[in-house]
PDB file of N, CA and C in Angstrom:
ATOM      1  N   MET A   1       0.783  -1.466   0.083  1.00  0.00           N
ATOM      2  CA  MET A   1       0.221   0.026  -0.166  1.00  0.00           C
ATOM      3  C   MET A   1       0.764   1.412   0.208  1.00  0.00           C
ATOM      4  N   GLU A   2       0.562   2.154  -0.755  1.00  0.00           N
ATOM      5  CA  GLU A   2       1.168   3.197  -0.875  1.00  0.00           C
ATOM      6  C   GLU A   2       0.061   4.654  -0.108  1.00  0.00           C
ATOM      7  N   ILE A   3       0.580   5.444  -0.064  1.00  0.00           N
ATOM      8  CA  ILE A   3      -0.240   6.638   0.861  1.00  0.00           C
ATOM      9  C   ILE A   3       0.518   8.252  -0.076  1.00  0.00           C
ATOM     10  N   THR A   4      -0.677   8.829  -0.440  1.00  0.00           N
ATOM     11  CA  THR A   4       0.010  10.321  -0.856  1.00  0.00           C
ATOM     12  C   THR A   4      -1.340  11.002  -0.246  1.00  0.00           C
ATOM     13  N   VAL A   5      -0.670  12.242   0.106  1.00  0.00           N
ATOM     14  CA  VAL A   5      -1.257  13.400   0.553  1.00  0.00           C
ATOM     15  C   VAL A   5      -0.903  14.509  -0.067  1.00  0.00           C
ATOM     16  N   GLU A   6      -2.505  15.217  -0.279  1.00  0.00           N
ATOM     17  CA  GLU A   6      -2.163  16.680  -1.107  1.00  0.00           C
ATOM     18  C   GLU A   6      -3.201  18.017  -0.006  1.00  0.00           C
ATOM     19  N   THR A   7      -2.078  18.579   0.345  1.00  0.00           N
ATOM     20  CA  THR A   7      -2.664  19.674   1.395  1.00  0.00           C
ATOM     21  C   THR A   7      -3.519  20.601   0.673  1.00  0.00           C
ATOM     22  N   MET A   8      -4.813  21.132   0.676  1.00  0.00           N
ATOM     23  CA  MET A   8      -5.745  21.784   0.468  1.00  0.00           C
ATOM     24  C   MET A   8      -5.869  23.194   1.642  1.00  0.00           C
ATOM     25  N   LYS A   9      -6.824  23.889   1.098  1.00  0.00           N
ATOM     26  CA  LYS A   9      -7.029  25.606   2.058  1.00  0.00           C
ATOM     27  C   LYS A   9      -7.421  24.323   2.888  1.00  0.00           C
ATOM     28  N   ARG A  10      -8.483  23.842   3.046  1.00  0.00           N
ATOM     29  CA  ARG A  10      -9.461  24.178   4.585  1.00  0.00           C
ATOM     30  C   ARG A  10      -9.143  21.745   4.821  1.00  0.00           C
ATOM     31  N   CYS A  11      -8.789  21.183   4.439  1.00  0.00           N
ATOM     32  CA  CYS A  11      -8.506  19.910   4.508  1.00  0.00           C
ATOM     33  C   CYS A  11      -7.046  19.299   3.943  1.00  0.00           C
ATOM     34  N   ASP A  12      -7.104  18.305   4.071  1.00  0.00           N
ATOM     35  CA  ASP A  12      -5.959  17.484   3.342  1.00  0.00           C
ATOM     36  C   ASP A  12      -6.929  16.529   2.603  1.00  0.00           C
ATOM     37  N   LEU A  13      -5.774  15.965   1.120  1.00  0.00           N
ATOM     38  CA  LEU A  13      -6.516  14.782   0.586  1.00  0.00           C
ATOM     39  C   LEU A  13      -5.753  13.589   0.797  1.00  0.00           C
ATOM     40  N   VAL A  14      -6.087  12.697   1.023  1.00  0.00           N
ATOM     41  CA  VAL A  14      -5.779  11.158   1.315  1.00  0.00           C
ATOM     42  C   VAL A  14      -5.167  10.162   0.581  1.00  0.00           C
ATOM     43  N   HIS A  15      -4.411   9.927  -0.552  1.00  0.00           N
ATOM     44  CA  HIS A  15      -4.963   8.629  -1.520  1.00  0.00           C
ATOM     45  C   HIS A  15      -4.264   7.604  -1.273  1.00  0.00           C
ATOM     46  N   PRO A  16      -4.968   6.495  -0.300  1.00  0.00           N
ATOM     47  CA  PRO A  16      -3.963   5.049   0.200  1.00  0.00           C
ATOM     48  C   PRO A  16      -4.466   4.347  -1.310  1.00  0.00           C
ATOM     49  N   SER A  17      -3.470   3.652  -1.549  1.00  0.00           N
ATOM     50  CA  SER A  17      -3.533   2.740  -2.637  1.00  0.00           C
ATOM     51  C   SER A  17      -2.988   1.364  -2.595  1.00  0.00           C
ATOM     52  N   GLY A  18      -3.829   0.736  -3.696  1.00  0.00           N
ATOM     53  CA  GLY A  18      -3.775  -0.932  -2.794  1.00  0.00           C
ATOM     54  C   GLY A  18      -4.146  -1.744  -1.912  1.00  0.00           C
ATOM     55  N   MET A  19      -3.570  -2.954  -1.518  1.00  0.00           N
ATOM     56  CA  MET A  19      -4.519  -3.482  -0.695  1.00  0.00           C
ATOM     57  C   MET A  19      -4.582  -3.079   1.119  1.00  0.00           C
ATOM     58  N   ILE A  20      -5.580  -2.676   1.563  1.00  0.00           N
ATOM     59  CA  ILE A  20      -5.503  -2.577   2.933  1.00  0.00           C
ATOM     60  C   ILE A  20      -5.955  -3.420   3.747  1.00  0.00           C
ATOM     61  N   ASP A  21      -4.657  -4.006   4.283  1.00  0.00           N
ATOM     62  CA  ASP A  21      -5.407  -5.716   5.053  1.00  0.00           C
ATOM     63  C   ASP A  21      -4.448  -5.426   6.137  1.00  0.00           C
ATOM     64  N   SER A  22      -4.420  -6.233   7.068  1.00  0.00           N
ATOM     65  CA  SER A  22      -3.905  -6.547   8.950  1.00  0.00           C
ATOM     66  C   SER A  22      -2.112  -6.183   8.322  1.00  0.00           C
ATOM     67  N   ALA A  23      -1.368  -6.124   7.616  1.00  0.00           N
ATOM     68  CA  ALA A  23      -0.273  -5.800   7.424  1.00  0.00           C
ATOM     69  C   ALA A  23      -0.020  -4.418   7.135  1.00  0.00           C
ATOM     70  N   SER A  24      -1.216  -3.692   6.419  1.00  0.00           N
ATOM     71  CA  SER A  24      -0.682  -1.913   6.171  1.00  0.00           C
ATOM     72  C   SER A  24      -1.959  -1.072   6.946  1.00  0.00           C
ATOM     73  N   ALA A  25      -2.850  -1.970   7.299  1.00  0.00           N
ATOM     74  CA  ALA A  25      -3.398  -0.809   8.029  1.00  0.00           C
ATOM     75  C   ALA A  25      -3.202  -0.199   8.863  1.00  0.00           C
ATOM     76  N   PRO A  26      -2.125  -0.746  10.009  1.00  0.00           N
ATOM     77  CA  PRO A  26      -1.358  -0.223  10.721  1.00  0.00           C
ATOM     78  C   PRO A  26      -0.544   1.479  10.247  1.00  0.00           C
ATOM     79  N   GLU A  27       0.194   1.122   9.110  1.00  0.00           N
ATOM     80  CA  GLU A  27       0.576   2.291   8.728  1.00  0.00           C
ATOM     81  C   GLU A  27      -0.591   3.274   7.704  1.00  0.00           C
ATOM     82  N   LEU A  28      -1.543   3.449   7.579  1.00  0.00           N
ATOM     83  CA  LEU A  28      -2.656   3.612   7.322  1.00  0.00           C
ATOM     84  C   LEU A  28      -2.897   4.934   8.442  1.00  0.00           C
ATOM     85  N   GLU A  29      -3.271   4.146   9.436  1.00  0.00           N
ATOM     86  CA  GLU A  29      -3.603   4.445  10.823  1.00  0.00           C
ATOM     87  C   GLU A  29      -2.886   5.367  11.447  1.00  0.00           C
ATOM     88  N   GLU A  30      -1.776   5.324  11.495  1.00  0.00           N
ATOM     89  CA  GLU A  30      -0.636   6.156  11.628  1.00  0.00           C
ATOM     90  C   GLU A  30      -0.679   7.458  11.172  1.00  0.00           C
ATOM     91  N   SER A  31      -0.734   7.338   9.400  1.00  0.00           N
ATOM     92  CA  SER A  31      -0.647   8.668   9.416  1.00  0.00           C
ATOM     93  C   SER A  31      -1.360   9.498   9.367  1.00  0.00           C
ATOM     94  N   LEU A  32      -2.768   9.010   8.948  1.00  0.00           N
ATOM     95  CA  LEU A  32      -4.134   9.791   9.351  1.00  0.00           C
ATOM     96  C   LEU A  32      -3.643  10.480  10.903  1.00  0.00           C
ATOM     97  N   LEU A  33      -3.514   9.909  11.735  1.00  0.00           N
ATOM     98  CA  LEU A  33      -3.486  10.035  12.826  1.00  0.00           C
ATOM     99  C   LEU A  33      -2.630  11.791  13.065  1.00  0.00           C
ATOM    100  N   ASP A  34      -1.263  10.987  12.478  1.00  0.00           N
ATOM    101  CA  ASP A  34      -0.443  12.009  12.670  1.00  0.00           C
ATOM    102  C   ASP A  34      -0.541  12.944  11.882  1.00  0.00           C
ATOM    103  N   LEU A  35      -0.931  13.386  10.553  1.00  0.00           N
ATOM    104  CA  LEU A  35      -2.149  14.164   9.536  1.00  0.00           C
ATOM    105  C   LEU A  35      -2.861  14.750  10.854  1.00  0.00           C
ATOM    106  N   LEU A  36      -3.942  14.827  11.430  1.00  0.00           N
ATOM    107  CA  LEU A  36      -4.729  14.849  12.584  1.00  0.00           C
ATOM    108  C   LEU A  36      -3.978  15.900  13.710  1.00  0.00           C
ATOM    109  N   GLU A  37      -2.781  15.211  14.776  1.00  0.00           N
ATOM    110  CA  GLU A  37      -2.191  15.606  15.227  1.00  0.00           C
ATOM    111  C   GLU A  37      -1.373  16.658  14.988  1.00  0.00           C
ATOM    112  N   GLY A  38      -1.087  16.962  13.797  1.00  0.00           N
ATOM    113  CA  GLY A  38      -0.237  18.049  12.937  1.00  0.00           C
ATOM    114  C   GLY A  38      -0.733  19.298  12.616  1.00  0.00           C
ATOM    115  N   GLY A  39      -1.882  19.250  13.382  1.00  0.00           N
ATOM    116  CA  GLY A  39      -2.731  20.403  12.982  1.00  0.00           C
ATOM    117  C   GLY A  39      -4.019  20.182  11.734  1.00  0.00           C
ATOM    118  N   THR A  40      -3.780  19.520  10.661  1.00  0.00           N
ATOM    119  CA  THR A  40      -5.397  19.212  10.135  1.00  0.00           C
ATOM    120  C   THR A  40      -6.148  18.558  10.797  1.00  0.00           C
ATOM    121  N   ARG A  41      -7.671  19.437  10.692  1.00  0.00           N
ATOM    122  CA  ARG A  41      -8.518  19.034  10.678  1.00  0.00           C
ATOM    123  C   ARG A  41      -9.477  18.392  10.592  1.00  0.00           C
ATOM    124  N   ASN A  42      -9.595  18.358   8.738  1.00  0.00           N
ATOM    125  CA  ASN A  42     -10.301  17.511   8.309  1.00  0.00           C
ATOM    126  C   ASN A  42      -9.648  17.012   7.385  1.00  0.00           C
ATOM    127  N   LEU A  43      -9.989  15.842   7.370  1.00  0.00           N
ATOM    128  CA  LEU A  43      -9.529  14.554   5.786  1.00  0.00           C
ATOM    129  C   LEU A  43     -10.323  14.420   5.071  1.00  0.00           C
ATOM    130  N   VAL A  44      -9.912  14.071   3.761  1.00  0.00           N
ATOM    131  CA  VAL A  44     -10.948  13.312   2.877  1.00  0.00           C
ATOM    132  C   VAL A  44      -9.712  12.060   2.238  1.00  0.00           C
ATOM    133  N   ILE A  45     -10.280  10.931   2.316  1.00  0.00           N
ATOM    134  CA  ILE A  45      -9.609  10.107   1.812  1.00  0.00           C
ATOM    135  C   ILE A  45     -10.231   9.641   0.768  1.00  0.00           C
ATOM    136  N   SER A  46      -9.753   9.566  -0.513  1.00  0.00           N
ATOM    137  CA  SER A  46     -10.003   8.569  -1.667  1.00  0.00           C
ATOM    138  C   SER A  46      -9.594   7.419  -1.840  1.00  0.00           C
ATOM    139  N   LEU A  47     -10.683   6.530  -1.759  1.00  0.00           N
ATOM    140  CA  LEU A  47     -10.577   4.940  -2.001  1.00  0.00           C
ATOM    141  C   LEU A  47     -10.701   4.548  -3.223  1.00  0.00           C
ATOM    142  N   ARG A  48     -10.581   5.482  -4.087  1.00  0.00           N
ATOM    143  CA  ARG A  48     -10.424   5.461  -5.694  1.00  0.00           C
ATOM    144  C   ARG A  48      -9.602   4.048  -5.888  1.00  0.00           C
ATOM    145  N   GLU A  49      -8.647   4.271  -5.828  1.00  0.00           N
ATOM    146  CA  GLU A  49      -7.336   2.844  -5.868  1.00  0.00           C
ATOM    147  C   GLU A  49      -7.017   1.906  -4.998  1.00  0.00           C
ATOM    148  N   VAL A  50      -8.016   1.783  -4.005  1.00  0.00           N
ATOM    149  CA  VAL A  50      -8.050   0.615  -2.717  1.00  0.00           C
ATOM    150  C   VAL A  50      -8.842  -0.415  -3.337  1.00  0.00           C
ATOM    151  N   THR A  51      -8.504  -1.798  -3.368  1.00  0.00           N
ATOM    152  CA  THR A  51      -8.494  -2.857  -4.020  1.00  0.00           C
ATOM    153  C   THR A  51      -9.146  -3.496  -2.887  1.00  0.00           C
ATOM    154  N   PHE A  52      -8.639  -3.202  -1.384  1.00  0.00           N
ATOM    155  CA  PHE A  52      -9.399  -4.298  -0.922  1.00  0.00           C
ATOM    156  C   PHE A  52      -9.060  -3.836   0.512  1.00  0.00           C
ATOM    157  N   LEU A  53     -10.193  -3.863   1.247  1.00  0.00           N
ATOM    158  CA  LEU A  53     -10.201  -3.323   2.427  1.00  0.00           C
ATOM    159  C   LEU A  53     -10.819  -3.933   3.677  1.00  0.00           C
ATOM    160  N   SER A  54      -9.560  -4.548   4.657  1.00  0.00           N
ATOM    161  CA  SER A  54     -10.073  -5.216   5.711  1.00  0.00           C
ATOM    162  C   SER A  54     -10.838  -4.990   6.638  1.00  0.00           C
ATOM    163  N   SER A  55     -10.894  -5.754   8.233  1.00  0.00           N
ATOM    164  CA  SER A  55     -11.327  -5.294   9.126  1.00  0.00           C
ATOM    165  C   SER A  55     -10.738  -4.232  10.156  1.00  0.00           C
ATOM    166  N   PRO A  56      -8.981  -4.368   9.978  1.00  0.00           N
ATOM    167  CA  PRO A  56      -7.925  -3.521  10.545  1.00  0.00           C
ATOM    168  C   PRO A  56      -8.103  -2.247   9.653  1.00  0.00           C
ATOM    169  N   GLY A  57      -8.530  -2.102   8.333  1.00  0.00           N
ATOM    170  CA  GLY A  57      -8.479  -1.150   7.440  1.00  0.00           C
ATOM    171  C   GLY A  57      -9.774  -0.171   8.346  1.00  0.00           C
ATOM    172  N   LEU A  58     -11.114  -0.459   8.118  1.00  0.00           N
ATOM    173  CA  LEU A  58     -11.967  -0.219   8.642  1.00  0.00           C
ATOM    174  C   LEU A  58     -11.430   0.860  10.347  1.00  0.00           C
ATOM    175  N   LYS A  59     -10.595  -0.053  11.121  1.00  0.00           N
ATOM    176  CA  LYS A  59     -10.869   0.307  12.625  1.00  0.00           C
ATOM    177  C   LYS A  59      -9.617   1.791  12.104  1.00  0.00           C
ATOM    178  N   ALA A  60      -9.260   2.076  11.073  1.00  0.00           N
ATOM    179  CA  ALA A  60      -7.613   2.417  10.838  1.00  0.00           C
ATOM    180  C   ALA A  60      -8.944   4.024  10.568  1.00  0.00           C
ATOM    181  N   LEU A  61      -9.607   3.671  10.130  1.00  0.00           N
ATOM    182  CA  LEU A  61     -10.580   4.596   9.473  1.00  0.00           C
ATOM    183  C   LEU A  61     -11.413   5.167  10.834  1.00  0.00           C
ATOM    184  N   LEU A  62     -11.906   4.363  10.989  1.00  0.00           N
ATOM    185  CA  LEU A  62     -12.381   4.896  12.586  1.00  0.00           C
ATOM    186  C   LEU A  62     -11.841   5.841  13.664  1.00  0.00           C
ATOM    187  N   ALA A  63     -10.971   5.424  13.605  1.00  0.00           N
ATOM    188  CA  ALA A  63      -9.844   5.745  14.935  1.00  0.00           C
ATOM    189  C   ALA A  63      -9.560   7.241  14.243  1.00  0.00           C
ATOM    190  N   ALA A  64      -9.307   7.368  13.147  1.00  0.00           N
ATOM    191  CA  ALA A  64      -8.894   8.508  12.399  1.00  0.00           C
ATOM    192  C   ALA A  64     -10.430   9.773  12.323  1.00  0.00           C
ATOM    193  N   GLN A  65     -11.600   8.946  12.615  1.00  0.00           N
ATOM    194  CA  GLN A  65     -12.809   9.507  12.955  1.00  0.00           C
ATOM    195  C   GLN A  65     -13.637  10.032  14.118  1.00  0.00           C
ATOM    196  N   ILE A  66     -12.770   8.907  15.149  1.00  0.00           N
ATOM    197  CA  ILE A  66     -12.779   9.647  16.281  1.00  0.00           C
ATOM    198  C   ILE A  66     -11.734  10.283  17.005  1.00  0.00           C
ATOM    199  N   ARG A  67     -10.781  10.635  16.113  1.00  0.00           N
ATOM    200  CA  ARG A  67      -9.590  11.639  17.022  1.00  0.00           C
ATOM    201  C   ARG A  67     -10.544  12.887  16.291  1.00  0.00           C
ATOM    202  N   ALA A  68     -10.496  13.071  14.989  1.00  0.00           N
ATOM    203  CA  ALA A  68     -11.289  14.392  14.295  1.00  0.00           C
ATOM    204  C   ALA A  68     -12.374  15.064  14.757  1.00  0.00           C
ATOM    205  N   ARG A  69     -13.347  14.361  15.243  1.00  0.00           N
ATOM    206  CA  ARG A  69     -13.990  14.540  16.330  1.00  0.00           C
ATOM    207  C   ARG A  69     -13.545  15.455  17.436  1.00  0.00           C
ATOM    208  N   LYS A  70     -12.495  14.703  18.066  1.00  0.00           N
ATOM    209  CA  LYS A  70     -12.380  14.908  19.634  1.00  0.00           C
ATOM    210  C   LYS A  70     -11.521  16.586  19.284  1.00  0.00           C
ATOM    211  N   LYS A  71     -10.970  16.801  18.553  1.00  0.00           N
ATOM    212  CA  LYS A  71     -10.731  18.126  18.592  1.00  0.00           C
ATOM    213  C   LYS A  71     -11.400  19.682  18.687  1.00  0.00           C
ATOM    214  N   VAL A  72     -10.644  20.595  18.997  1.00  0.00           N
ATOM    215  CA  VAL A  72     -11.478  21.577  19.256  1.00  0.00           C
ATOM    216  C   VAL A  72     -11.429  22.582  18.075  1.00  0.00           C
ATOM    217  N   PRO A  73     -11.408  23.145  17.743  1.00  0.00           N
ATOM    218  CA  PRO A  73     -12.950  22.830  17.206  1.00  0.00           C
ATOM    219  C   PRO A  73     -13.173  21.558  16.131  1.00  0.00           C
ATOM    220  N   PRO A  74     -14.188  20.908  16.930  1.00  0.00           N
ATOM    221  CA  PRO A  74     -14.405  19.412  15.894  1.00  0.00           C
ATOM    222  C   PRO A  74     -14.023  19.347  14.555  1.00  0.00           C
ATOM    223  N   GLY A  75     -13.481  18.041  14.063  1.00  0.00           N
ATOM    224  CA  GLY A  75     -12.914  18.136  12.361  1.00  0.00           C
ATOM    225  C   GLY A  75     -13.855  16.979  12.386  1.00  0.00           C
ATOM    226  N   GLU A  76     -13.173  16.456  10.996  1.00  0.00           N
ATOM    227  CA  GLU A  76     -14.610  15.180  10.339  1.00  0.00           C
ATOM    228  C   GLU A  76     -13.090  14.256   9.353  1.00  0.00           C
ATOM    229  N   VAL A  77     -13.506  13.284   8.965  1.00  0.00           N
ATOM    230  CA  VAL A  77     -12.961  12.691   8.157  1.00  0.00           C
ATOM    231  C   VAL A  77     -14.130  12.355   7.271  1.00  0.00           C
ATOM    232  N   VAL A  78     -13.640  12.054   5.790  1.00  0.00           N
ATOM    233  CA  VAL A  78     -15.037  11.976   4.601  1.00  0.00           C
ATOM    234  C   VAL A  78     -14.302  11.218   3.625  1.00  0.00           C
ATOM    235  N   LEU A  79     -14.902  10.224   3.082  1.00  0.00           N
ATOM    236  CA  LEU A  79     -14.652   9.114   2.431  1.00  0.00           C
ATOM    237  C   LEU A  79     -15.303   9.832   0.725  1.00  0.00           C
ATOM    238  N   SER A  80     -14.358   9.637  -0.294  1.00  0.00           N
ATOM    239  CA  SER A  80     -14.874   9.850  -1.597  1.00  0.00           C
ATOM    240  C   SER A  80     -14.071   8.672  -2.961  1.00  0.00           C
ATOM    241  N   GLU A  81     -14.901   8.914  -3.837  1.00  0.00           N
ATOM    242  CA  GLU A  81     -14.534   7.831  -4.917  1.00  0.00           C
ATOM    243  C   GLU A  81     -13.998   6.553  -4.457  1.00  0.00           C
ATOM    244  N   ILE A  82     -15.012   6.311  -4.105  1.00  0.00           N
ATOM    245  CA  ILE A  82     -15.415   4.708  -3.394  1.00  0.00           C
ATOM    246  C   ILE A  82     -16.006   3.633  -4.161  1.00  0.00           C
ATOM    247  N   PRO A  83     -15.394   2.740  -4.285  1.00  0.00           N
ATOM    248  CA  PRO A  83     -15.307   1.304  -5.694  1.00  0.00           C
ATOM    249  C   PRO A  83     -15.964   1.055  -5.279  1.00  0.00           C
ATOM    250  N   PRO A  84     -17.221   0.435  -6.017  1.00  0.00           N
ATOM    251  CA  PRO A  84     -18.426  -0.189  -5.860  1.00  0.00           C
ATOM    252  C   PRO A  84     -18.710  -1.677  -4.874  1.00  0.00           C
ATOM    253  N   ASN A  85     -17.610  -2.243  -4.973  1.00  0.00           N
ATOM    254  CA  ASN A  85     -17.083  -3.651  -4.466  1.00  0.00           C
ATOM    255  C   ASN A  85     -17.057  -2.973  -2.412  1.00  0.00           C
ATOM    256  N   LEU A  86     -16.062  -1.945  -2.447  1.00  0.00           N
ATOM    257  CA  LEU A  86     -16.017  -1.132  -1.051  1.00  0.00           C
ATOM    258  C   LEU A  86     -17.157  -0.419  -0.526  1.00  0.00           C
ATOM    259  N   LEU A  87     -17.881  -0.066  -1.717  1.00  0.00           N
ATOM    260  CA  LEU A  87     -19.273   0.563  -0.937  1.00  0.00           C
ATOM    261  C   LEU A  87     -19.883  -0.178  -0.378  1.00  0.00           C
ATOM    262  N   LYS A  88     -20.034  -1.691  -1.102  1.00  0.00           N
ATOM    263  CA  LYS A  88     -21.446  -2.383  -0.396  1.00  0.00           C
ATOM    264  C   LYS A  88     -20.899  -2.882   0.929  1.00  0.00           C
ATOM    265  N   VAL A  89     -19.478  -2.866   1.036  1.00  0.00           N
ATOM    266  CA  VAL A  89     -19.029  -3.930   2.096  1.00  0.00           C
ATOM    267  C   VAL A  89     -18.909  -2.303   3.297  1.00  0.00           C
ATOM    268  N   LEU A  90     -18.887  -0.982   3.228  1.00  0.00           N
ATOM    269  CA  LEU A  90     -18.691   0.112   4.070  1.00  0.00           C
ATOM    270  C   LEU A  90     -19.968   0.132   4.955  1.00  0.00           C
ATOM    271  N   GLU A  91     -20.999   0.081   3.750  1.00  0.00           N
ATOM    272  CA  GLU A  91     -22.687   0.085   4.250  1.00  0.00           C
ATOM    273  C   GLU A  91     -23.034  -1.341   5.015  1.00  0.00           C
ATOM    274  N   LEU A  92     -22.339  -2.393   4.573  1.00  0.00           N
ATOM    275  CA  LEU A  92     -22.931  -3.267   5.334  1.00  0.00           C
ATOM    276  C   LEU A  92     -22.653  -3.235   6.384  1.00  0.00           C
ATOM    277  N   VAL A  93     -21.583  -2.608   6.665  1.00  0.00           N
ATOM    278  CA  VAL A  93     -20.784  -2.810   8.193  1.00  0.00           C
ATOM    279  C   VAL A  93     -21.496  -1.476   9.036  1.00  0.00           C
ATOM    280  N   GLY A  94     -22.116  -0.589   8.652  1.00  0.00           N
ATOM    281  CA  GLY A  94     -22.972   0.986   8.674  1.00  0.00           C
ATOM    282  C   GLY A  94     -21.771   2.185   8.780  1.00  0.00           C
ATOM    283  N   MET A  95     -21.290   2.262   7.988  1.00  0.00           N
ATOM    284  CA  MET A  95     -20.414   2.854   8.108  1.00  0.00           C
ATOM    285  C   MET A  95     -20.732   4.337   7.373  1.00  0.00           C
ATOM    286  N   HIS A  96     -22.051   4.460   6.339  1.00  0.00           N
ATOM    287  CA  HIS A  96     -22.513   5.132   6.303  1.00  0.00           C
ATOM    288  C   HIS A  96     -23.335   6.151   7.236  1.00  0.00           C
ATOM    289  N   HIS A  97     -23.326   5.838   8.241  1.00  0.00           N
ATOM    290  CA  HIS A  97     -23.695   6.526   9.176  1.00  0.00           C
ATOM    291  C   HIS A  97     -22.814   7.290  10.844  1.00  0.00           C
ATOM    292  N   ILE A  98     -21.492   6.895  10.205  1.00  0.00           N
ATOM    293  CA  ILE A  98     -20.228   7.669  10.843  1.00  0.00           C
ATOM    294  C   ILE A  98     -19.877   8.505   9.849  1.00  0.00           C
ATOM    295  N   PHE A  99     -19.415   7.952   8.547  1.00  0.00           N
ATOM    296  CA  PHE A  99     -19.010   9.243   7.567  1.00  0.00           C
ATOM    297  C   PHE A  99     -19.636   9.386   6.365  1.00  0.00           C
ATOM    298  N   ARG A 100     -19.518  10.713   6.316  1.00  0.00           N
ATOM    299  CA  ARG A 100     -19.956  10.950   4.508  1.00  0.00           C
ATOM    300  C   ARG A 100     -19.152  10.810   3.411  1.00  0.00           C
ATOM    301  N   PHE A 101     -19.991  10.092   2.335  1.00  0.00           N
ATOM    302  CA  PHE A 101     -19.556   9.530   1.184  1.00  0.00           C
ATOM    303  C   PHE A 101     -19.594  10.316   0.030  1.00  0.00           C
ATOM    304  N   PHE A 102     -18.658  10.564  -0.720  1.00  0.00           N
ATOM    305  CA  PHE A 102     -18.643  11.403  -2.115  1.00  0.00           C
ATOM    306  C   PHE A 102     -18.751  10.787  -3.327  1.00  0.00           C
ATOM    307  N   GLU A 103     -19.080  11.395  -4.086  1.00  0.00           N
ATOM    308  CA  GLU A 103     -18.440  10.374  -5.603  1.00  0.00           C
ATOM    309  C   GLU A 103     -17.588  10.814  -6.231  1.00  0.00           C
ATOM    310  N   GLN A 104     -17.320  12.284  -6.110  1.00  0.00           N
ATOM    311  CA  GLN A 104     -15.948  12.456  -6.550  1.00  0.00           C
ATOM    312  C   GLN A 104     -15.140  13.445  -5.248  1.00  0.00           C
ATOM    313  N   ASP A 105     -13.495  13.047  -5.841  1.00  0.00           N
ATOM    314  CA  ASP A 105     -12.608  14.276  -4.630  1.00  0.00           C
ATOM    315  C   ASP A 105     -13.580  15.638  -4.593  1.00  0.00           C
ATOM    316  N   VAL A 106     -13.570  16.051  -5.570  1.00  0.00           N
ATOM    317  CA  VAL A 106     -13.927  17.428  -5.485  1.00  0.00           C
ATOM    318  C   VAL A 106     -15.186  17.979  -4.624  1.00  0.00           C
ATOM    319  N   GLU A 107     -16.041  16.622  -4.797  1.00  0.00           N
ATOM    320  CA  GLU A 107     -17.296  17.308  -3.610  1.00  0.00           C
ATOM    321  C   GLU A 107     -16.590  17.034  -2.285  1.00  0.00           C
ATOM    322  N   ALA A 108     -15.648  16.484  -1.770  1.00  0.00           N
ATOM    323  CA  ALA A 108     -15.407  16.135  -0.693  1.00  0.00           C
ATOM    324  C   ALA A 108     -14.604  17.346  -0.225  1.00  0.00           C
ATOM    325  N   VAL A 109     -13.708  17.937  -0.978  1.00  0.00           N
ATOM    326  CA  VAL A 109     -12.839  18.727  -0.845  1.00  0.00           C
ATOM    327  C   VAL A 109     -14.096  19.799  -0.532  1.00  0.00           C
ATOM    328  N   GLY A 110     -14.650  20.303  -2.072  1.00  0.00           N
ATOM    329  CA  GLY A 110     -15.585  21.510  -1.323  1.00  0.00           C
ATOM    330  C   GLY A 110     -16.188  21.594  -0.439  1.00  0.00           C
ATOM    331  N   SER A 111     -16.374  20.018   0.510  1.00  0.00           N
ATOM    332  CA  SER A 111     -17.774  19.748   1.234  1.00  0.00           C
ATOM    333  C   SER A 111     -16.982  21.170   2.643  1.00  0.00           C
ATOM    334  N   PHE A 112     -15.777  21.249   2.795  1.00  0.00           N
ATOM    335  CA  PHE A 112     -15.436  22.000   4.363  1.00  0.00           C
ATOM    336  C   PHE A 112     -15.182  23.277   4.291  1.00  0.00           C
TER     337      PHE A 112
END
């Protein structure tokens, strides 16, 4: 898995790629939490290039959302460009109640 980050005006746009499994999820979680601890309040995570997302990957996303919401003022993590197979999984486990989903990165970035 590779992670690239683009800094925008009101958020950071995070592009993980490849498989997010038990081996790579800790790296993703650490990267997301480091961004939030470093002063970023809002994150857009583009899942366009993610081919697989395991339960440790879901935990990494949740950990980032929890940390963002605890900031003062509160921040948010949103998900964008979710492939159809991952969208089904995210909806099945109820992530649509925790995260806002966007079809395009531009929409997600513009939401802040």
